[in-house]
């Protein structure tokens, strides 16, 4: 598994709760859900590089 970069994310508590409920529904952690959403947004926008497709 590739190394993961850590960073602080400040997020509205209500938004966090909504993401947490969504993550729970899909059996993911909040971190995993945020990564999933970011990868999906990058893919949809055509900005996801081919070398990173193995994580999908």
PDB file of N, CA and C in Angstrom:
ATOM      1  N   UNK A   1       0.844  -1.178   0.000  1.00  0.00           N
ATOM      2  CA  UNK A   1       0.000   0.000   0.000  1.00  0.00           C
ATOM      3  C   UNK A   1       0.893   1.247   0.000  1.00  0.00           C
ATOM      4  N   UNK A   2       0.494   2.220  -0.766  1.00  0.00           N
ATOM      5  CA  UNK A   2       1.250   3.471  -0.849  1.00  0.00           C
ATOM      6  C   UNK A   2       1.141   4.245   0.462  1.00  0.00           C
ATOM      7  N   UNK A   3       2.169   5.058   0.726  1.00  0.00           N
ATOM      8  CA  UNK A   3       2.126   5.922   1.905  1.00  0.00           C
ATOM      9  C   UNK A   3       0.964   6.895   1.777  1.00  0.00           C
ATOM     10  N   UNK A   4       0.397   7.260   2.917  1.00  0.00           N
ATOM     11  CA  UNK A   4      -0.681   8.243   2.945  1.00  0.00           C
ATOM     12  C   UNK A   4      -0.146   9.531   3.527  1.00  0.00           C
ATOM     13  N   UNK A   5      -0.543  10.631   2.967  1.00  0.00           N
ATOM     14  CA  UNK A   5      -0.157  11.957   3.460  1.00  0.00           C
ATOM     15  C   UNK A   5      -1.192  12.398   4.475  1.00  0.00           C
ATOM     16  N   UNK A   6      -0.751  12.849   5.617  1.00  0.00           N
ATOM     17  CA  UNK A   6      -1.646  13.357   6.663  1.00  0.00           C
ATOM     18  C   UNK A   6      -1.753  14.863   6.561  1.00  0.00           C
ATOM     19  N   UNK A   7      -2.956  15.384   6.802  1.00  0.00           N
ATOM     20  CA  UNK A   7      -3.149  16.828   6.876  1.00  0.00           C
ATOM     21  C   UNK A   7      -4.389  17.118   7.701  1.00  0.00           C
ATOM     22  N   UNK A   8      -4.434  18.307   8.254  1.00  0.00           N
ATOM     23  CA  UNK A   8      -5.551  18.731   9.074  1.00  0.00           C
ATOM     24  C   UNK A   8      -6.672  19.248   8.173  1.00  0.00           C
ATOM     25  N   UNK A   9      -7.880  18.798   8.415  1.00  0.00           N
ATOM     26  CA  UNK A   9      -9.037  19.260   7.654  1.00  0.00           C
ATOM     27  C   UNK A   9     -10.022  19.897   8.633  1.00  0.00           C
ATOM     28  N   UNK A  10     -10.281  21.163   8.419  1.00  0.00           N
ATOM     29  CA  UNK A  10     -11.294  21.840   9.227  1.00  0.00           C
ATOM     30  C   UNK A  10     -12.601  21.761   8.454  1.00  0.00           C
ATOM     31  N   UNK A  11     -13.637  21.264   9.119  1.00  0.00           N
ATOM     32  CA  UNK A  11     -14.903  21.027   8.441  1.00  0.00           C
ATOM     33  C   UNK A  11     -16.048  21.374   9.387  1.00  0.00           C
ATOM     34  N   UNK A  12     -17.086  21.907   8.820  1.00  0.00           N
ATOM     35  CA  UNK A  12     -18.280  22.254   9.593  1.00  0.00           C
ATOM     36  C   UNK A  12     -18.809  20.985  10.280  1.00  0.00           C
ATOM     37  N   UNK A  13     -19.138  21.058  11.555  1.00  0.00           N
ATOM     38  CA  UNK A  13     -19.603  19.858  12.274  1.00  0.00           C
ATOM     39  C   UNK A  13     -20.841  19.204  11.632  1.00  0.00           C
ATOM     40  N   UNK A  14     -21.749  19.990  11.115  1.00  0.00           N
ATOM     41  CA  UNK A  14     -22.940  19.417  10.481  1.00  0.00           C
ATOM     42  C   UNK A  14     -22.562  18.657   9.205  1.00  0.00           C
ATOM     43  N   UNK A  15     -21.640  19.220   8.426  1.00  0.00           N
ATOM     44  CA  UNK A  15     -21.169  18.544   7.212  1.00  0.00           C
ATOM     45  C   UNK A  15     -20.458  17.252   7.586  1.00  0.00           C
ATOM     46  N   UNK A  16     -19.632  17.299   8.634  1.00  0.00           N
ATOM     47  CA  UNK A  16     -18.942  16.088   9.090  1.00  0.00           C
ATOM     48  C   UNK A  16     -19.957  15.007   9.459  1.00  0.00           C
ATOM     49  N   UNK A  17     -20.995  15.381  10.205  1.00  0.00           N
ATOM     50  CA  UNK A  17     -22.015  14.408  10.602  1.00  0.00           C
ATOM     51  C   UNK A  17     -22.702  13.790   9.384  1.00  0.00           C
ATOM     52  N   UNK A  18     -22.966  14.600   8.371  1.00  0.00           N
ATOM     53  CA  UNK A  18     -23.601  14.084   7.157  1.00  0.00           C
ATOM     54  C   UNK A  18     -22.676  13.113   6.431  1.00  0.00           C
ATOM     55  N   UNK A  19     -21.394  13.456   6.337  1.00  0.00           N
ATOM     56  CA  UNK A  19     -20.427  12.568   5.695  1.00  0.00           C
ATOM     57  C   UNK A  19     -20.279  11.288   6.516  1.00  0.00           C
ATOM     58  N   UNK A  20     -20.302  11.400   7.819  1.00  0.00           N
ATOM     59  CA  UNK A  20     -20.174  10.223   8.669  1.00  0.00           C
ATOM     60  C   UNK A  20     -21.358   9.276   8.481  1.00  0.00           C
ATOM     61  N   UNK A  21     -22.555   9.814   8.403  1.00  0.00           N
ATOM     62  CA  UNK A  21     -23.733   8.972   8.161  1.00  0.00           C
ATOM     63  C   UNK A  21     -23.635   8.277   6.805  1.00  0.00           C
ATOM     64  N   UNK A  22     -23.192   9.009   5.786  1.00  0.00           N
ATOM     65  CA  UNK A  22     -23.026   8.452   4.452  1.00  0.00           C
ATOM     66  C   UNK A  22     -21.969   7.343   4.481  1.00  0.00           C
ATOM     67  N   UNK A  23     -20.849   7.604   5.140  1.00  0.00           N
ATOM     68  CA  UNK A  23     -19.782   6.604   5.257  1.00  0.00           C
ATOM     69  C   UNK A  23     -20.299   5.357   5.963  1.00  0.00           C
ATOM     70  N   UNK A  24     -21.056   5.539   7.033  1.00  0.00           N
ATOM     71  CA  UNK A  24     -21.624   4.401   7.760  1.00  0.00           C
ATOM     72  C   UNK A  24     -22.524   3.571   6.843  1.00  0.00           C
ATOM     73  N   UNK A  25     -23.315   4.244   6.028  1.00  0.00           N
ATOM     74  CA  UNK A  25     -24.221   3.548   5.099  1.00  0.00           C
ATOM     75  C   UNK A  25     -23.453   2.687   4.099  1.00  0.00           C
ATOM     76  N   UNK A  26     -22.234   3.105   3.761  1.00  0.00           N
ATOM     77  CA  UNK A  26     -21.429   2.401   2.752  1.00  0.00           C
ATOM     78  C   UNK A  26     -20.283   1.607   3.380  1.00  0.00           C
ATOM     79  N   UNK A  27     -20.338   1.444   4.709  1.00  0.00           N
ATOM     80  CA  UNK A  27     -19.346   0.650   5.446  1.00  0.00           C
ATOM     81  C   UNK A  27     -17.917   1.144   5.216  1.00  0.00           C
ATOM     82  N   UNK A  28     -17.764   2.476   5.263  1.00  0.00           N
ATOM     83  CA  UNK A  28     -16.445   3.102   5.157  1.00  0.00           C
ATOM     84  C   UNK A  28     -16.204   3.966   6.394  1.00  0.00           C
ATOM     85  N   UNK A  29     -14.942   4.286   6.618  1.00  0.00           N
ATOM     86  CA  UNK A  29     -14.608   5.288   7.624  1.00  0.00           C
ATOM     87  C   UNK A  29     -14.879   6.660   7.004  1.00  0.00           C
ATOM     88  N   UNK A  30     -14.911   7.686   7.827  1.00  0.00           N
ATOM     89  CA  UNK A  30     -15.082   9.041   7.299  1.00  0.00           C
ATOM     90  C   UNK A  30     -13.909   9.373   6.386  1.00  0.00           C
ATOM     91  N   UNK A  31     -12.700   9.026   6.801  1.00  0.00           N
ATOM     92  CA  UNK A  31     -11.526   9.274   5.970  1.00  0.00           C
ATOM     93  C   UNK A  31     -11.658   8.548   4.625  1.00  0.00           C
ATOM     94  N   UNK A  32     -12.066   7.284   4.667  1.00  0.00           N
ATOM     95  CA  UNK A  32     -12.250   6.513   3.445  1.00  0.00           C
ATOM     96  C   UNK A  32     -13.316   7.113   2.544  1.00  0.00           C
ATOM     97  N   UNK A  33     -14.374   7.628   3.147  1.00  0.00           N
ATOM     98  CA  UNK A  33     -15.454   8.245   2.365  1.00  0.00           C
ATOM     99  C   UNK A  33     -14.963   9.521   1.685  1.00  0.00           C
ATOM    100  N   UNK A  34     -14.220  10.330   2.406  1.00  0.00           N
ATOM    101  CA  UNK A  34     -13.689  11.566   1.827  1.00  0.00           C
ATOM    102  C   UNK A  34     -12.736  11.237   0.682  1.00  0.00           C
ATOM    103  N   UNK A  35     -11.864  10.236   0.868  1.00  0.00           N
ATOM    104  CA  UNK A  35     -10.971   9.821  -0.219  1.00  0.00           C
ATOM    105  C   UNK A  35     -11.767   9.333  -1.425  1.00  0.00           C
ATOM    106  N   UNK A  36     -12.801   8.537  -1.176  1.00  0.00           N
ATOM    107  CA  UNK A  36     -13.653   8.034  -2.255  1.00  0.00           C
ATOM    108  C   UNK A  36     -14.287   9.193  -3.029  1.00  0.00           C
ATOM    109  N   UNK A  37     -14.824  10.160  -2.303  1.00  0.00           N
ATOM    110  CA  UNK A  37     -15.485  11.298  -2.941  1.00  0.00           C
ATOM    111  C   UNK A  37     -14.496  12.150  -3.739  1.00  0.00           C
ATOM    112  N   UNK A  38     -13.299  12.358  -3.194  1.00  0.00           N
ATOM    113  CA  UNK A  38     -12.293  13.132  -3.910  1.00  0.00           C
ATOM    114  C   UNK A  38     -11.838  12.414  -5.177  1.00  0.00           C
ATOM    115  N   UNK A  39     -11.600  11.101  -5.077  1.00  0.00           N
ATOM    116  CA  UNK A  39     -11.200  10.337  -6.271  1.00  0.00           C
ATOM    117  C   UNK A  39     -12.289  10.382  -7.339  1.00  0.00           C
ATOM    118  N   UNK A  40     -13.550  10.234  -6.907  1.00  0.00           N
ATOM    119  CA  UNK A  40     -14.666  10.267  -7.849  1.00  0.00           C
ATOM    120  C   UNK A  40     -14.770  11.636  -8.517  1.00  0.00           C
ATOM    121  N   UNK A  41     -14.606  12.700  -7.744  1.00  0.00           N
ATOM    122  CA  UNK A  41     -14.663  14.056  -8.313  1.00  0.00           C
ATOM    123  C   UNK A  41     -13.521  14.275  -9.306  1.00  0.00           C
ATOM    124  N   UNK A  42     -12.324  13.792  -8.982  1.00  0.00           N
ATOM    125  CA  UNK A  42     -11.183  13.920  -9.892  1.00  0.00           C
ATOM    126  C   UNK A  42     -11.430  13.128 -11.180  1.00  0.00           C
ATOM    127  N   UNK A  43     -11.959  11.914 -11.031  1.00  0.00           N
ATOM    128  CA  UNK A  43     -12.241  11.089 -12.203  1.00  0.00           C
ATOM    129  C   UNK A  43     -13.278  11.751 -13.103  1.00  0.00           C
ATOM    130  N   UNK A  44     -14.354  12.247 -12.498  1.00  0.00           N
ATOM    131  CA  UNK A  44     -15.426  12.886 -13.276  1.00  0.00           C
ATOM    132  C   UNK A  44     -14.947  14.136 -14.003  1.00  0.00           C
ATOM    133  N   UNK A  45     -14.014  14.850 -13.396  1.00  0.00           N
ATOM    134  CA  UNK A  45     -13.522  16.090 -14.005  1.00  0.00           C
ATOM    135  C   UNK A  45     -12.413  15.841 -15.023  1.00  0.00           C
ATOM    136  N   UNK A  46     -11.978  14.581 -15.129  1.00  0.00           N
ATOM    137  CA  UNK A  46     -10.904  14.257 -16.051  1.00  0.00           C
ATOM    138  C   UNK A  46      -9.533  14.638 -15.523  1.00  0.00           C
ATOM    139  N   UNK A  47      -9.409  14.873 -14.227  1.00  0.00           N
ATOM    140  CA  UNK A  47      -8.145  15.308 -13.634  1.00  0.00           C
ATOM    141  C   UNK A  47      -7.382  14.182 -12.948  1.00  0.00           C
ATOM    142  N   UNK A  48      -7.969  13.013 -12.839  1.00  0.00           N
ATOM    143  CA  UNK A  48      -7.294  11.903 -12.159  1.00  0.00           C
ATOM    144  C   UNK A  48      -6.262  11.299 -13.090  1.00  0.00           C
ATOM    145  N   UNK A  49      -5.022  11.218 -12.625  1.00  0.00           N
ATOM    146  CA  UNK A  49      -3.956  10.671 -13.466  1.00  0.00           C
ATOM    147  C   UNK A  49      -4.091   9.158 -13.563  1.00  0.00           C
ATOM    148  N   UNK A  50      -3.647   8.600 -14.665  1.00  0.00           N
ATOM    149  CA  UNK A  50      -3.736   7.162 -14.914  1.00  0.00           C
ATOM    150  C   UNK A  50      -2.932   6.357 -13.901  1.00  0.00           C
ATOM    151  N   UNK A  51      -1.797   6.887 -13.441  1.00  0.00           N
ATOM    152  CA  UNK A  51      -0.942   6.126 -12.516  1.00  0.00           C
ATOM    153  C   UNK A  51      -1.607   5.880 -11.179  1.00  0.00           C
ATOM    154  N   UNK A  52      -2.655   6.629 -10.827  1.00  0.00           N
ATOM    155  CA  UNK A  52      -3.329   6.463  -9.532  1.00  0.00           C
ATOM    156  C   UNK A  52      -4.595   5.631  -9.631  1.00  0.00           C
ATOM    157  N   UNK A  53      -4.880   5.023 -10.763  1.00  0.00           N
ATOM    158  CA  UNK A  53      -6.117   4.271 -10.927  1.00  0.00           C
ATOM    159  C   UNK A  53      -6.137   2.961 -10.152  1.00  0.00           C
ATOM    160  N   UNK A  54      -5.002   2.464  -9.679  1.00  0.00           N
ATOM    161  CA  UNK A  54      -4.970   1.187  -8.962  1.00  0.00           C
ATOM    162  C   UNK A  54      -5.681   1.261  -7.622  1.00  0.00           C
ATOM    163  N   UNK A  55      -5.941   2.457  -7.075  1.00  0.00           N
ATOM    164  CA  UNK A  55      -6.606   2.565  -5.779  1.00  0.00           C
ATOM    165  C   UNK A  55      -8.107   2.479  -5.881  1.00  0.00           C
ATOM    166  N   UNK A  56      -8.659   2.435  -7.079  1.00  0.00           N
ATOM    167  CA  UNK A  56     -10.121   2.400  -7.227  1.00  0.00           C
ATOM    168  C   UNK A  56     -10.677   1.021  -7.016  1.00  0.00           C
TER     169      UNK A  56
END
